[in-house]
Full PDB file with SEQRES, HELIX, SHEET, SSBOND, CRYST1, ORIGX, SCALE, CONECT and MASTER records, all heavy atoms in Angstrom:
SEQRES   1 A   33  GLY VAL GLY ALA HIS ALA LEU ALA ARG GLY GLY PHE LEU          
SEQRES   2 A   33  ALA ASN ALA LEU THR LEU PRO PHE VAL ALA ARG GLU GLU          
SEQRES   3 A   33  ARG ARG LEU SER GLU ARG ALA                                  
HELIX    1 AA1 VAL A    2  HIS A    5  1                                   4    
HELIX    2 AA2 PHE A   12  ALA A   16  1                                   5    
HELIX    3 AA3 PRO A   20  ARG A   32  1                                  13    
CRYST1    1.000    1.000    1.000  90.00  90.00  90.00 P 1           1          
ORIGX1      1.000000  0.000000  0.000000        0.00000                         
ORIGX2      0.000000  1.000000  0.000000        0.00000                         
ORIGX3      0.000000  0.000000  1.000000        0.00000                         
SCALE1      1.000000  0.000000  0.000000        0.00000                         
SCALE2      0.000000  1.000000  0.000000        0.00000                         
SCALE3      0.000000  0.000000  1.000000        0.00000                         
ATOM      1  N   GLY A   1       6.721  -3.975  -8.965  1.00  0.00           N  
ATOM      2  CA  GLY A   1       5.970  -3.389  -7.797  1.00  0.00           C  
ATOM      3  C   GLY A   1       5.480  -2.015  -8.137  1.00  0.00           C  
ATOM      4  O   GLY A   1       4.432  -1.646  -7.530  1.00  0.00           O  
ATOM      5  N   VAL A   2       6.058  -1.189  -8.862  1.00  0.00           N  
ATOM      6  CA  VAL A   2       5.585   0.116  -9.299  1.00  0.00           C  
ATOM      7  C   VAL A   2       4.207  -0.075  -9.943  1.00  0.00           C  
ATOM      8  O   VAL A   2       3.317   0.779  -9.749  1.00  0.00           O  
ATOM      9  CB  VAL A   2       6.552   0.890 -10.249  1.00  0.00           C  
ATOM     10  CG1 VAL A   2       6.023   2.008 -10.874  1.00  0.00           C  
ATOM     11  CG2 VAL A   2       7.794   1.283  -9.393  1.00  0.00           C  
ATOM     12  N   GLY A   3       4.140  -1.075 -10.835  1.00  0.00           N  
ATOM     13  CA  GLY A   3       2.849  -1.256 -11.408  1.00  0.00           C  
ATOM     14  C   GLY A   3       1.773  -1.713 -10.553  1.00  0.00           C  
ATOM     15  O   GLY A   3       0.683  -1.108 -10.626  1.00  0.00           O  
ATOM     16  N   ALA A   4       2.155  -2.462  -9.496  1.00  0.00           N  
ATOM     17  CA  ALA A   4       1.103  -2.915  -8.550  1.00  0.00           C  
ATOM     18  C   ALA A   4       0.771  -1.703  -7.639  1.00  0.00           C  
ATOM     19  O   ALA A   4      -0.477  -1.549  -7.316  1.00  0.00           O  
ATOM     20  CB  ALA A   4       1.639  -3.981  -7.550  1.00  0.00           C  
ATOM     21  N   HIS A   5       1.598  -0.799  -7.413  1.00  0.00           N  
ATOM     22  CA  HIS A   5       1.309   0.307  -6.515  1.00  0.00           C  
ATOM     23  C   HIS A   5       0.559   1.407  -7.208  1.00  0.00           C  
ATOM     24  O   HIS A   5      -0.061   2.342  -6.598  1.00  0.00           O  
ATOM     25  CB  HIS A   5       2.687   0.987  -5.957  1.00  0.00           C  
ATOM     26  CG  HIS A   5       3.106   0.241  -4.798  1.00  0.00           C  
ATOM     27  ND1 HIS A   5       3.894  -0.965  -4.891  1.00  0.00           N  
ATOM     28  CD2 HIS A   5       3.030   0.537  -3.403  1.00  0.00           C  
ATOM     29  CE1 HIS A   5       4.192  -1.258  -3.550  1.00  0.00           C  
ATOM     30  NE2 HIS A   5       3.657  -0.460  -2.695  1.00  0.00           N  
ATOM     31  N   ALA A   6       0.402   1.255  -8.588  1.00  0.00           N  
ATOM     32  CA  ALA A   6      -0.467   2.280  -9.341  1.00  0.00           C  
ATOM     33  C   ALA A   6      -1.903   2.182  -8.734  1.00  0.00           C  
ATOM     34  O   ALA A   6      -2.607   3.164  -8.971  1.00  0.00           O  
ATOM     35  CB  ALA A   6      -0.500   1.966 -10.792  1.00  0.00           C  
ATOM     36  N   LEU A   7      -2.322   1.161  -8.158  1.00  0.00           N  
ATOM     37  CA  LEU A   7      -3.679   1.056  -7.655  1.00  0.00           C  
ATOM     38  C   LEU A   7      -3.781   1.213  -6.122  1.00  0.00           C  
ATOM     39  O   LEU A   7      -4.734   0.820  -5.544  1.00  0.00           O  
ATOM     40  CB  LEU A   7      -4.315  -0.294  -8.165  1.00  0.00           C  
ATOM     41  CG  LEU A   7      -4.516  -0.418  -9.612  1.00  0.00           C  
ATOM     42  CD1 LEU A   7      -5.280  -1.655 -10.021  1.00  0.00           C  
ATOM     43  CD2 LEU A   7      -5.230   0.857 -10.170  1.00  0.00           C  
ATOM     44  N   ALA A   8      -2.707   1.480  -5.562  1.00  0.00           N  
ATOM     45  CA  ALA A   8      -2.618   1.596  -4.005  1.00  0.00           C  
ATOM     46  C   ALA A   8      -3.709   2.576  -3.509  1.00  0.00           C  
ATOM     47  O   ALA A   8      -3.759   3.724  -4.164  1.00  0.00           O  
ATOM     48  CB  ALA A   8      -1.267   1.943  -3.491  1.00  0.00           C  
ATOM     49  N   ARG A   9      -4.385   2.188  -2.465  1.00  0.00           N  
ATOM     50  CA  ARG A   9      -5.544   3.188  -1.955  1.00  0.00           C  
ATOM     51  C   ARG A   9      -4.963   4.084  -0.933  1.00  0.00           C  
ATOM     52  O   ARG A   9      -5.824   4.953  -0.508  1.00  0.00           O  
ATOM     53  CB  ARG A   9      -6.603   2.233  -1.572  1.00  0.00           C  
ATOM     54  CG  ARG A   9      -7.321   1.435  -2.646  1.00  0.00           C  
ATOM     55  CD  ARG A   9      -8.645   0.805  -2.107  1.00  0.00           C  
ATOM     56  NE  ARG A   9      -8.263  -0.211  -1.135  1.00  0.00           N  
ATOM     57  CZ  ARG A   9      -8.150  -1.601  -1.524  1.00  0.00           C  
ATOM     58  NH1 ARG A   9      -8.104  -1.918  -2.737  1.00  0.00           N  
ATOM     59  NH2 ARG A   9      -7.857  -2.456  -0.530  1.00  0.00           N  
ATOM     60  N   GLY A  10      -3.821   3.724  -0.291  1.00  0.00           N  
ATOM     61  CA  GLY A  10      -3.452   4.715   0.808  1.00  0.00           C  
ATOM     62  C   GLY A  10      -2.944   5.947   0.282  1.00  0.00           C  
ATOM     63  O   GLY A  10      -2.153   5.896  -0.644  1.00  0.00           O  
ATOM     64  N   GLY A  11      -3.244   7.108   0.970  1.00  0.00           N  
ATOM     65  CA  GLY A  11      -2.685   8.338   0.531  1.00  0.00           C  
ATOM     66  C   GLY A  11      -1.493   8.696   1.322  1.00  0.00           C  
ATOM     67  O   GLY A  11      -0.956   7.915   2.239  1.00  0.00           O  
ATOM     68  N   PHE A  12      -0.999   9.983   1.194  1.00  0.00           N  
ATOM     69  CA  PHE A  12       0.213  10.370   1.842  1.00  0.00           C  
ATOM     70  C   PHE A  12       0.029  10.203   3.440  1.00  0.00           C  
ATOM     71  O   PHE A  12       0.862   9.711   4.159  1.00  0.00           O  
ATOM     72  CB  PHE A  12       0.607  11.719   1.533  1.00  0.00           C  
ATOM     73  CG  PHE A  12       1.774  12.332   2.283  1.00  0.00           C  
ATOM     74  CD1 PHE A  12       3.162  12.006   2.068  1.00  0.00           C  
ATOM     75  CD2 PHE A  12       1.515  13.181   3.373  1.00  0.00           C  
ATOM     76  CE1 PHE A  12       4.123  12.425   2.772  1.00  0.00           C  
ATOM     77  CE2 PHE A  12       2.524  13.801   4.105  1.00  0.00           C  
ATOM     78  CZ  PHE A  12       3.881  13.446   3.788  1.00  0.00           C  
ATOM     79  N   LEU A  13      -1.089  10.860   3.933  1.00  0.00           N  
ATOM     80  CA  LEU A  13      -1.334  10.775   5.391  1.00  0.00           C  
ATOM     81  C   LEU A  13      -1.353   9.419   5.963  1.00  0.00           C  
ATOM     82  O   LEU A  13      -0.730   9.068   7.029  1.00  0.00           O  
ATOM     83  CB  LEU A  13      -2.565  11.590   5.647  1.00  0.00           C  
ATOM     84  CG  LEU A  13      -2.841  11.747   7.039  1.00  0.00           C  
ATOM     85  CD1 LEU A  13      -1.810  12.560   7.883  1.00  0.00           C  
ATOM     86  CD2 LEU A  13      -4.249  12.569   7.316  1.00  0.00           C  
ATOM     87  N   ALA A  14      -2.069   8.560   5.228  1.00  0.00           N  
ATOM     88  CA  ALA A  14      -2.217   7.187   5.752  1.00  0.00           C  
ATOM     89  C   ALA A  14      -0.861   6.429   5.838  1.00  0.00           C  
ATOM     90  O   ALA A  14      -0.536   5.765   6.757  1.00  0.00           O  
ATOM     91  CB  ALA A  14      -3.156   6.306   4.828  1.00  0.00           C  
ATOM     92  N   ASN A  15      -0.084   6.667   4.862  1.00  0.00           N  
ATOM     93  CA  ASN A  15       1.354   6.068   4.813  1.00  0.00           C  
ATOM     94  C   ASN A  15       2.156   6.772   5.854  1.00  0.00           C  
ATOM     95  O   ASN A  15       2.957   6.000   6.626  1.00  0.00           O  
ATOM     96  CB  ASN A  15       2.012   6.272   3.422  1.00  0.00           C  
ATOM     97  CG  ASN A  15       1.405   5.235   2.482  1.00  0.00           C  
ATOM     98  OD1 ASN A  15       1.911   4.129   2.381  1.00  0.00           O  
ATOM     99  ND2 ASN A  15       0.494   5.626   1.687  1.00  0.00           N  
ATOM    100  N   ALA A  16       1.986   7.928   6.094  1.00  0.00           N  
ATOM    101  CA  ALA A  16       2.806   8.718   7.119  1.00  0.00           C  
ATOM    102  C   ALA A  16       2.431   8.158   8.450  1.00  0.00           C  
ATOM    103  O   ALA A  16       3.344   8.033   9.418  1.00  0.00           O  
ATOM    104  CB  ALA A  16       2.700  10.258   7.061  1.00  0.00           C  
ATOM    105  N   LEU A  17       1.151   7.909   8.822  1.00  0.00           N  
ATOM    106  CA  LEU A  17       0.774   7.391  10.079  1.00  0.00           C  
ATOM    107  C   LEU A  17       0.940   5.933  10.177  1.00  0.00           C  
ATOM    108  O   LEU A  17       0.573   5.319  11.286  1.00  0.00           O  
ATOM    109  CB  LEU A  17      -0.645   7.845  10.268  1.00  0.00           C  
ATOM    110  CG  LEU A  17      -0.901   9.393  10.289  1.00  0.00           C  
ATOM    111  CD1 LEU A  17      -2.363   9.685  10.496  1.00  0.00           C  
ATOM    112  CD2 LEU A  17      -0.137  10.042  11.515  1.00  0.00           C  
ATOM    113  N   THR A  18       1.364   5.284   9.103  1.00  0.00           N  
ATOM    114  CA  THR A  18       1.447   3.795   9.122  1.00  0.00           C  
ATOM    115  C   THR A  18       0.175   3.140   9.733  1.00  0.00           C  
ATOM    116  O   THR A  18       0.238   2.249  10.548  1.00  0.00           O  
ATOM    117  CB  THR A  18       2.687   3.284   9.893  1.00  0.00           C  
ATOM    118  OG1 THR A  18       2.637   3.735  11.184  1.00  0.00           O  
ATOM    119  CG2 THR A  18       3.899   3.770   9.211  1.00  0.00           C  
ATOM    120  N   LEU A  19      -0.959   3.524   9.147  1.00  0.00           N  
ATOM    121  CA  LEU A  19      -2.226   2.995   9.589  1.00  0.00           C  
ATOM    122  C   LEU A  19      -2.271   1.497   9.293  1.00  0.00           C  
ATOM    123  O   LEU A  19      -1.623   1.012   8.341  1.00  0.00           O  
ATOM    124  CB  LEU A  19      -3.355   3.697   8.903  1.00  0.00           C  
ATOM    125  CG  LEU A  19      -3.548   5.146   9.262  1.00  0.00           C  
ATOM    126  CD1 LEU A  19      -4.644   5.883   8.455  1.00  0.00           C  
ATOM    127  CD2 LEU A  19      -3.691   5.357  10.801  1.00  0.00           C  
ATOM    128  N   PRO A  20      -2.985   0.556  10.029  1.00  0.00           N  
ATOM    129  CA  PRO A  20      -2.940  -0.814   9.838  1.00  0.00           C  
ATOM    130  C   PRO A  20      -3.245  -1.193   8.421  1.00  0.00           C  
ATOM    131  O   PRO A  20      -2.741  -2.151   7.908  1.00  0.00           O  
ATOM    132  CB  PRO A  20      -4.032  -1.286  10.843  1.00  0.00           C  
ATOM    133  CG  PRO A  20      -4.073  -0.287  11.851  1.00  0.00           C  
ATOM    134  CD  PRO A  20      -3.735   0.981  11.236  1.00  0.00           C  
ATOM    135  N   PHE A  21      -4.264  -0.583   7.836  1.00  0.00           N  
ATOM    136  CA  PHE A  21      -4.682  -1.034   6.545  1.00  0.00           C  
ATOM    137  C   PHE A  21      -3.600  -0.798   5.504  1.00  0.00           C  
ATOM    138  O   PHE A  21      -3.495  -1.512   4.380  1.00  0.00           O  
ATOM    139  CB  PHE A  21      -5.997  -0.289   6.020  1.00  0.00           C  
ATOM    140  CG  PHE A  21      -5.822   1.030   5.460  1.00  0.00           C  
ATOM    141  CD1 PHE A  21      -5.583   1.040   4.001  1.00  0.00           C  
ATOM    142  CD2 PHE A  21      -5.868   2.190   6.114  1.00  0.00           C  
ATOM    143  CE1 PHE A  21      -5.442   2.356   3.515  1.00  0.00           C  
ATOM    144  CE2 PHE A  21      -5.694   3.354   5.572  1.00  0.00           C  
ATOM    145  CZ  PHE A  21      -5.452   3.511   4.213  1.00  0.00           C  
ATOM    146  N   VAL A  22      -2.623   0.205   5.695  1.00  0.00           N  
ATOM    147  CA  VAL A  22      -1.599   0.501   4.720  1.00  0.00           C  
ATOM    148  C   VAL A  22      -0.615  -0.753   4.768  1.00  0.00           C  
ATOM    149  O   VAL A  22      -0.294  -1.213   3.710  1.00  0.00           O  
ATOM    150  CB  VAL A  22      -0.730   1.666   5.217  1.00  0.00           C  
ATOM    151  CG1 VAL A  22       0.521   1.775   4.406  1.00  0.00           C  
ATOM    152  CG2 VAL A  22      -1.628   2.963   5.090  1.00  0.00           C  
ATOM    153  N   ALA A  23      -0.285  -1.389   5.956  1.00  0.00           N  
ATOM    154  CA  ALA A  23       0.516  -2.532   6.029  1.00  0.00           C  
ATOM    155  C   ALA A  23      -0.105  -3.694   5.252  1.00  0.00           C  
ATOM    156  O   ALA A  23       0.589  -4.456   4.619  1.00  0.00           O  
ATOM    157  CB  ALA A  23       0.728  -2.940   7.434  1.00  0.00           C  
ATOM    158  N   ARG A  24      -1.379  -3.916   5.388  1.00  0.00           N  
ATOM    159  CA  ARG A  24      -2.103  -4.904   4.642  1.00  0.00           C  
ATOM    160  C   ARG A  24      -2.136  -4.764   3.187  1.00  0.00           C  
ATOM    161  O   ARG A  24      -1.954  -5.585   2.389  1.00  0.00           O  
ATOM    162  CB  ARG A  24      -3.577  -4.982   5.123  1.00  0.00           C  
ATOM    163  CG  ARG A  24      -3.875  -5.503   6.579  1.00  0.00           C  
ATOM    164  CD  ARG A  24      -5.183  -5.867   6.839  1.00  0.00           C  
ATOM    165  NE  ARG A  24      -6.095  -4.747   6.761  1.00  0.00           N  
ATOM    166  CZ  ARG A  24      -6.467  -3.930   7.728  1.00  0.00           C  
ATOM    167  NH1 ARG A  24      -5.920  -4.010   8.951  1.00  0.00           N  
ATOM    168  NH2 ARG A  24      -7.326  -2.903   7.572  1.00  0.00           N  
ATOM    169  N   GLU A  25      -2.211  -3.510   2.846  1.00  0.00           N  
ATOM    170  CA  GLU A  25      -2.204  -3.082   1.415  1.00  0.00           C  
ATOM    171  C   GLU A  25      -0.710  -3.382   0.853  1.00  0.00           C  
ATOM    172  O   GLU A  25      -0.655  -3.954  -0.295  1.00  0.00           O  
ATOM    173  CB  GLU A  25      -2.551  -1.651   1.217  1.00  0.00           C  
ATOM    174  CG  GLU A  25      -2.481  -1.116  -0.248  1.00  0.00           C  
ATOM    175  CD  GLU A  25      -3.823  -1.349  -1.010  1.00  0.00           C  
ATOM    176  OE1 GLU A  25      -4.562  -2.155  -0.498  1.00  0.00           O  
ATOM    177  OE2 GLU A  25      -3.886  -0.787  -2.061  1.00  0.00           O  
ATOM    178  N   GLU A  26       0.164  -3.022   1.524  1.00  0.00           N  
ATOM    179  CA  GLU A  26       1.682  -3.297   1.159  1.00  0.00           C  
ATOM    180  C   GLU A  26       1.810  -4.848   0.908  1.00  0.00           C  
ATOM    181  O   GLU A  26       2.476  -5.121  -0.082  1.00  0.00           O  
ATOM    182  CB  GLU A  26       2.502  -2.755   2.137  1.00  0.00           C  
ATOM    183  CG  GLU A  26       2.729  -1.224   2.119  1.00  0.00           C  
ATOM    184  CD  GLU A  26       3.343  -0.702   0.758  1.00  0.00           C  
ATOM    185  OE1 GLU A  26       4.152  -1.448   0.212  1.00  0.00           O  
ATOM    186  OE2 GLU A  26       3.018   0.378   0.322  1.00  0.00           O  
ATOM    187  N   ARG A  27       1.316  -5.587   1.833  1.00  0.00           N  
ATOM    188  CA  ARG A  27       1.463  -7.112   1.766  1.00  0.00           C  
ATOM    189  C   ARG A  27       0.760  -7.582   0.433  1.00  0.00           C  
ATOM    190  O   ARG A  27       1.240  -8.433  -0.272  1.00  0.00           O  
ATOM    191  CB  ARG A  27       1.120  -7.793   3.005  1.00  0.00           C  
ATOM    192  CG  ARG A  27       1.943  -7.741   4.095  1.00  0.00           C  
ATOM    193  CD  ARG A  27       1.424  -8.674   5.269  1.00  0.00           C  
ATOM    194  NE  ARG A  27       0.181  -8.465   5.754  1.00  0.00           N  
ATOM    195  CZ  ARG A  27      -0.135  -7.690   6.731  1.00  0.00           C  
ATOM    196  NH1 ARG A  27       0.892  -7.016   7.387  1.00  0.00           N  
ATOM    197  NH2 ARG A  27      -1.443  -7.506   7.163  1.00  0.00           N  
ATOM    198  N   ARG A  28      -0.510  -7.111   0.190  1.00  0.00           N  
ATOM    199  CA  ARG A  28      -1.201  -7.468  -0.946  1.00  0.00           C  
ATOM    200  C   ARG A  28      -0.436  -7.220  -2.196  1.00  0.00           C  
ATOM    201  O   ARG A  28      -0.434  -7.976  -3.126  1.00  0.00           O  
ATOM    202  CB  ARG A  28      -2.620  -6.900  -0.769  1.00  0.00           C  
ATOM    203  CG  ARG A  28      -3.527  -7.218  -1.931  1.00  0.00           C  
ATOM    204  CD  ARG A  28      -4.899  -6.677  -1.850  1.00  0.00           C  
ATOM    205  NE  ARG A  28      -4.867  -5.162  -2.115  1.00  0.00           N  
ATOM    206  CZ  ARG A  28      -4.970  -4.662  -3.272  1.00  0.00           C  
ATOM    207  NH1 ARG A  28      -5.071  -5.380  -4.275  1.00  0.00           N  
ATOM    208  NH2 ARG A  28      -4.944  -3.429  -3.427  1.00  0.00           N  
ATOM    209  N   LEU A  29       0.025  -5.961  -2.257  1.00  0.00           N  
ATOM    210  CA  LEU A  29       0.637  -5.547  -3.572  1.00  0.00           C  
ATOM    211  C   LEU A  29       1.976  -6.277  -3.723  1.00  0.00           C  
ATOM    212  O   LEU A  29       2.320  -6.625  -4.822  1.00  0.00           O  
ATOM    213  CB  LEU A  29       0.821  -3.962  -3.465  1.00  0.00           C  
ATOM    214  CG  LEU A  29      -0.310  -3.179  -3.448  1.00  0.00           C  
ATOM    215  CD1 LEU A  29       0.004  -1.642  -3.318  1.00  0.00           C  
ATOM    216  CD2 LEU A  29      -1.129  -3.376  -4.706  1.00  0.00           C  
ATOM    217  N   SER A  30       2.743  -6.610  -2.574  1.00  0.00           N  
ATOM    218  CA  SER A  30       3.888  -7.271  -2.798  1.00  0.00           C  
ATOM    219  C   SER A  30       3.684  -8.712  -3.203  1.00  0.00           C  
ATOM    220  O   SER A  30       4.443  -9.206  -4.030  1.00  0.00           O  
ATOM    221  CB  SER A  30       4.636  -7.319  -1.286  1.00  0.00           C  
ATOM    222  OG  SER A  30       5.816  -8.029  -1.375  1.00  0.00           O  
ATOM    223  N   GLU A  31       2.682  -9.279  -2.758  1.00  0.00           N  
ATOM    224  CA  GLU A  31       2.263 -10.689  -3.137  1.00  0.00           C  
ATOM    225  C   GLU A  31       1.877 -10.688  -4.557  1.00  0.00           C  
ATOM    226  O   GLU A  31       2.209 -11.654  -5.307  1.00  0.00           O  
ATOM    227  CB  GLU A  31       1.057 -11.265  -2.225  1.00  0.00           C  
ATOM    228  CG  GLU A  31       1.516 -11.448  -0.833  1.00  0.00           C  
ATOM    229  CD  GLU A  31       0.380 -11.667   0.152  1.00  0.00           C  
ATOM    230  OE1 GLU A  31      -0.784 -11.762  -0.393  1.00  0.00           O  
ATOM    231  OE2 GLU A  31       0.513 -11.994   1.329  1.00  0.00           O  
ATOM    232  N   ARG A  32       1.216  -9.628  -5.077  1.00  0.00           N  
ATOM    233  CA  ARG A  32       0.810  -9.566  -6.481  1.00  0.00           C  
ATOM    234  C   ARG A  32       2.004  -9.497  -7.233  1.00  0.00           C  
ATOM    235  O   ARG A  32       2.137 -10.176  -8.302  1.00  0.00           O  
ATOM    236  CB  ARG A  32      -0.085  -8.452  -6.727  1.00  0.00           C  
ATOM    237  CG  ARG A  32      -0.468  -8.265  -8.140  1.00  0.00           C  
ATOM    238  CD  ARG A  32      -1.335  -7.006  -8.492  1.00  0.00           C  
ATOM    239  NE  ARG A  32      -2.446  -6.918  -7.563  1.00  0.00           N  
ATOM    240  CZ  ARG A  32      -3.380  -5.903  -7.527  1.00  0.00           C  
ATOM    241  NH1 ARG A  32      -3.079  -4.828  -8.252  1.00  0.00           N  
ATOM    242  NH2 ARG A  32      -4.382  -5.804  -6.823  1.00  0.00           N  
ATOM    243  N   ALA A  33       3.002  -8.631  -7.013  1.00  0.00           N  
ATOM    244  CA  ALA A  33       4.283  -8.521  -7.698  1.00  0.00           C  
ATOM    245  C   ALA A  33       5.067  -9.803  -7.715  1.00  0.00           C  
ATOM    246  O   ALA A  33       5.537 -10.185  -8.785  1.00  0.00           O  
ATOM    247  CB  ALA A  33       5.116  -7.468  -7.074  1.00  0.00           C  
TER     248      ALA A  33                                                      
MASTER        0    0    0    3    0    0    0    6  247    1    0    3          
END                                                                             
């Protein structure tokens, strides 16, 4: 998962605010792993 998150597009603020695209990104990276 660390490898997959190397290309995550969400920044600190987006993750802190749990914006919708962050959840989608997390699912995509989890599925890749």
